[in-house]
Amino acid sequence: MSQSEFVRTMIQAGRSGFEPAASETAGSDDAGADSEEPRSPDATPRGDGLKDRVREILADGDYYEWEDLLAELTDDIEERLEDTLQELQSNNEVQYSGRHGGYVRDE
């Protein structure tokens, strides 16, 4: 998957919301709630954080083409991904295989 496809997929996922299906919420109980991962404190439903970021970028009054605006929003994703992969590799959670041309979870 190319970087642009990845970004497009993430944007579409953010727009759709990630609301749990009715079957997932109906079967949950108190024991299951403990195993659920905590949400990020800055997470906002329906992408409000993205709206705020877009407003911040556009506040300077300049015109931004789609590609430029997208670049402003995703400027640090490559660096963050590299840092994360390095950390996971150092913890022996992920390994890179040149032979297979990619990363895989190390179990």
C-alpha atoms as a PDB file:
ATOM      1  CA  MET A   1       0.000   0.000   0.000  1.00  0.00           C
ATOM      2  CA  SER A   2       1.451   3.361  -0.957  1.00  0.00           C
ATOM      3  CA  GLN A   3       1.647   6.249   1.490  1.00  0.00           C
ATOM      4  CA  SER A   4      -1.099   8.149  -0.313  1.00  0.00           C
ATOM      5  CA  GLU A   5      -3.380   5.086  -0.217  1.00  0.00           C
ATOM      6  CA  PHE A   6      -2.643   4.677   3.490  1.00  0.00           C
ATOM      7  CA  VAL A   7      -3.465   8.321   4.218  1.00  0.00           C
ATOM      8  CA  ARG A   8      -6.642   8.144   2.132  1.00  0.00           C
ATOM      9  CA  THR A   9      -7.716   5.000   4.008  1.00  0.00           C
ATOM     10  CA  MET A  10      -7.044   6.603   7.381  1.00  0.00           C
ATOM     11  CA  ILE A  11      -8.988   9.726   6.443  1.00  0.00           C
ATOM     12  CA  GLN A  12     -11.954   7.671   5.278  1.00  0.00           C
ATOM     13  CA  ALA A  13     -11.800   5.615   8.466  1.00  0.00           C
ATOM     14  CA  GLY A  14     -11.759   8.795  10.543  1.00  0.00           C
ATOM     15  CA  ARG A  15     -14.768  10.135   8.680  1.00  0.00           C
ATOM     16  CA  SER A  16     -16.745   6.933   9.201  1.00  0.00           C
ATOM     17  CA  GLY A  17     -16.326   7.062  12.944  1.00  0.00           C
ATOM     18  CA  PHE A  18     -15.399   3.602  14.335  1.00  0.00           C
ATOM     19  CA  GLU A  19     -18.648   3.137  16.212  1.00  0.00           C
ATOM     20  CA  PRO A  20     -19.039  -0.442  17.520  1.00  0.00           C
ATOM     21  CA  ALA A  21     -21.634  -2.671  15.952  1.00  0.00           C
ATOM     22  CA  ALA A  22     -24.791  -3.349  17.958  1.00  0.00           C
ATOM     23  CA  SER A  23     -23.734  -6.982  18.445  1.00  0.00           C
ATOM     24  CA  GLU A  24     -20.461  -5.862  20.049  1.00  0.00           C
ATOM     25  CA  THR A  25     -22.127  -3.557  22.587  1.00  0.00           C
ATOM     26  CA  ALA A  26     -25.018  -5.894  23.382  1.00  0.00           C
ATOM     27  CA  GLY A  27     -22.720  -8.724  24.490  1.00  0.00           C
ATOM     28  CA  SER A  28     -20.404  -6.641  26.635  1.00  0.00           C
ATOM     29  CA  ASP A  29     -20.371  -6.995  30.402  1.00  0.00           C
ATOM     30  CA  ASP A  30     -18.368  -5.578  33.297  1.00  0.00           C
ATOM     31  CA  ALA A  31     -15.617  -8.186  32.908  1.00  0.00           C
ATOM     32  CA  GLY A  32     -15.142  -7.261  29.274  1.00  0.00           C
ATOM     33  CA  ALA A  33     -14.893  -3.585  30.111  1.00  0.00           C
ATOM     34  CA  ASP A  34     -11.675  -4.191  32.047  1.00  0.00           C
ATOM     35  CA  SER A  35      -9.980  -5.723  29.004  1.00  0.00           C
ATOM     36  CA  GLU A  36     -10.868  -2.798  26.740  1.00  0.00           C
ATOM     37  CA  GLU A  37      -7.965  -0.516  25.886  1.00  0.00           C
ATOM     38  CA  PRO A  38      -8.214   3.004  27.326  1.00  0.00           C
ATOM     39  CA  ARG A  39      -8.932   5.781  24.863  1.00  0.00           C
ATOM     40  CA  SER A  40      -6.472   8.518  24.249  1.00  0.00           C
ATOM     41  CA  PRO A  41      -7.363  11.588  26.336  1.00  0.00           C
ATOM     42  CA  ASP A  42      -7.269  13.800  23.251  1.00  0.00           C
ATOM     43  CA  ALA A  43      -9.428  11.465  21.151  1.00  0.00           C
ATOM     44  CA  THR A  44     -12.665  13.020  20.004  1.00  0.00           C
ATOM     45  CA  PRO A  45     -15.497  11.211  18.293  1.00  0.00           C
ATOM     46  CA  ARG A  46     -16.187  11.884  14.620  1.00  0.00           C
ATOM     47  CA  GLY A  47     -12.827  13.536  13.983  1.00  0.00           C
ATOM     48  CA  ASP A  48     -13.280  16.810  15.879  1.00  0.00           C
ATOM     49  CA  GLY A  49      -9.511  16.867  16.456  1.00  0.00           C
ATOM     50  CA  LEU A  50      -9.039  16.822  12.705  1.00  0.00           C
ATOM     51  CA  LYS A  51     -11.498  19.698  12.309  1.00  0.00           C
ATOM     52  CA  ASP A  52      -9.562  21.712  14.869  1.00  0.00           C
ATOM     53  CA  ARG A  53      -6.270  20.968  13.102  1.00  0.00           C
ATOM     54  CA  VAL A  54      -7.691  22.005   9.701  1.00  0.00           C
ATOM     55  CA  ARG A  55      -9.038  25.228  11.207  1.00  0.00           C
ATOM     56  CA  GLU A  56      -5.612  25.909  12.721  1.00  0.00           C
ATOM     57  CA  ILE A  57      -3.817  25.369   9.395  1.00  0.00           C
ATOM     58  CA  LEU A  58      -6.278  27.520   7.441  1.00  0.00           C
ATOM     59  CA  ALA A  59      -6.230  30.319  10.025  1.00  0.00           C
ATOM     60  CA  ASP A  60      -3.349  32.061   8.227  1.00  0.00           C
ATOM     61  CA  GLY A  61      -5.709  33.060   5.398  1.00  0.00           C
ATOM     62  CA  ASP A  62      -3.670  31.317   2.681  1.00  0.00           C
ATOM     63  CA  TYR A  63      -5.237  28.979   0.125  1.00  0.00           C
ATOM     64  CA  TYR A  64      -4.196  25.327   0.356  1.00  0.00           C
ATOM     65  CA  GLU A  65      -4.623  22.769  -2.392  1.00  0.00           C
ATOM     66  CA  TRP A  66      -5.760  19.311  -1.304  1.00  0.00           C
ATOM     67  CA  GLU A  67      -2.238  17.858  -1.535  1.00  0.00           C
ATOM     68  CA  ASP A  68      -0.730  20.740   0.461  1.00  0.00           C
ATOM     69  CA  LEU A  69      -3.371  20.477   3.166  1.00  0.00           C
ATOM     70  CA  LEU A  70      -2.888  16.724   3.321  1.00  0.00           C
ATOM     71  CA  ALA A  71       0.874  17.223   3.637  1.00  0.00           C
ATOM     72  CA  GLU A  72       0.332  19.661   6.527  1.00  0.00           C
ATOM     73  CA  LEU A  73      -1.843  17.129   8.330  1.00  0.00           C
ATOM     74  CA  THR A  74       0.450  14.141   7.817  1.00  0.00           C
ATOM     75  CA  ASP A  75       3.854  15.798   7.965  1.00  0.00           C
ATOM     76  CA  ASP A  76       5.217  13.703  10.812  1.00  0.00           C
ATOM     77  CA  ILE A  77       3.623  10.310  10.085  1.00  0.00           C
ATOM     78  CA  GLU A  78       6.744   8.883   8.424  1.00  0.00           C
ATOM     79  CA  GLU A  79       8.981   9.915  11.320  1.00  0.00           C
ATOM     80  CA  ARG A  80       6.497   8.572  13.879  1.00  0.00           C
ATOM     81  CA  LEU A  81       6.208   5.276  11.997  1.00  0.00           C
ATOM     82  CA  GLU A  82       9.989   4.903  11.804  1.00  0.00           C
ATOM     83  CA  ASP A  83      10.388   5.652  15.527  1.00  0.00           C
ATOM     84  CA  THR A  84       7.638   3.187  16.398  1.00  0.00           C
ATOM     85  CA  LEU A  85       9.104   0.425  14.230  1.00  0.00           C
ATOM     86  CA  GLN A  86      12.551   0.962  15.741  1.00  0.00           C
ATOM     87  CA  GLU A  87      11.114   0.745  19.249  1.00  0.00           C
ATOM     88  CA  LEU A  88       9.145  -2.412  18.417  1.00  0.00           C
ATOM     89  CA  GLN A  89      12.252  -3.984  16.866  1.00  0.00           C
ATOM     90  CA  SER A  90      14.364  -3.141  19.910  1.00  0.00           C
ATOM     91  CA  ASN A  91      11.708  -4.810  22.104  1.00  0.00           C
ATOM     92  CA  ASN A  92      11.770  -7.878  19.818  1.00  0.00           C
ATOM     93  CA  GLU A  93       8.086  -7.420  19.006  1.00  0.00           C
ATOM     94  CA  VAL A  94       8.574  -6.797  15.269  1.00  0.00           C
ATOM     95  CA  GLN A  95      11.269  -7.840  12.838  1.00  0.00           C
ATOM     96  CA  TYR A  96      12.143  -6.790   9.304  1.00  0.00           C
ATOM     97  CA  SER A  97      12.833  -9.393   6.649  1.00  0.00           C
ATOM     98  CA  GLY A  98      14.696  -8.240   3.566  1.00  0.00           C
ATOM     99  CA  ARG A  99      13.984 -11.589   1.986  1.00  0.00           C
ATOM    100  CA  HIS A 100      10.225 -11.101   2.362  1.00  0.00           C
ATOM    101  CA  GLY A 101      10.401  -7.345   1.849  1.00  0.00           C
ATOM    102  CA  GLY A 102       8.554  -6.213   4.939  1.00  0.00           C
ATOM    103  CA  TYR A 103       7.886  -6.214   8.629  1.00  0.00           C
ATOM    104  CA  VAL A 104       6.252  -9.009  10.602  1.00  0.00           C
ATOM    105  CA  ARG A 105       5.246  -9.427  14.212  1.00  0.00           C
ATOM    106  CA  ASP A 106       7.801 -11.507  16.096  1.00  0.00           C
ATOM    107  CA  GLU A 107       6.001 -14.080  18.206  1.00  0.00           C
END
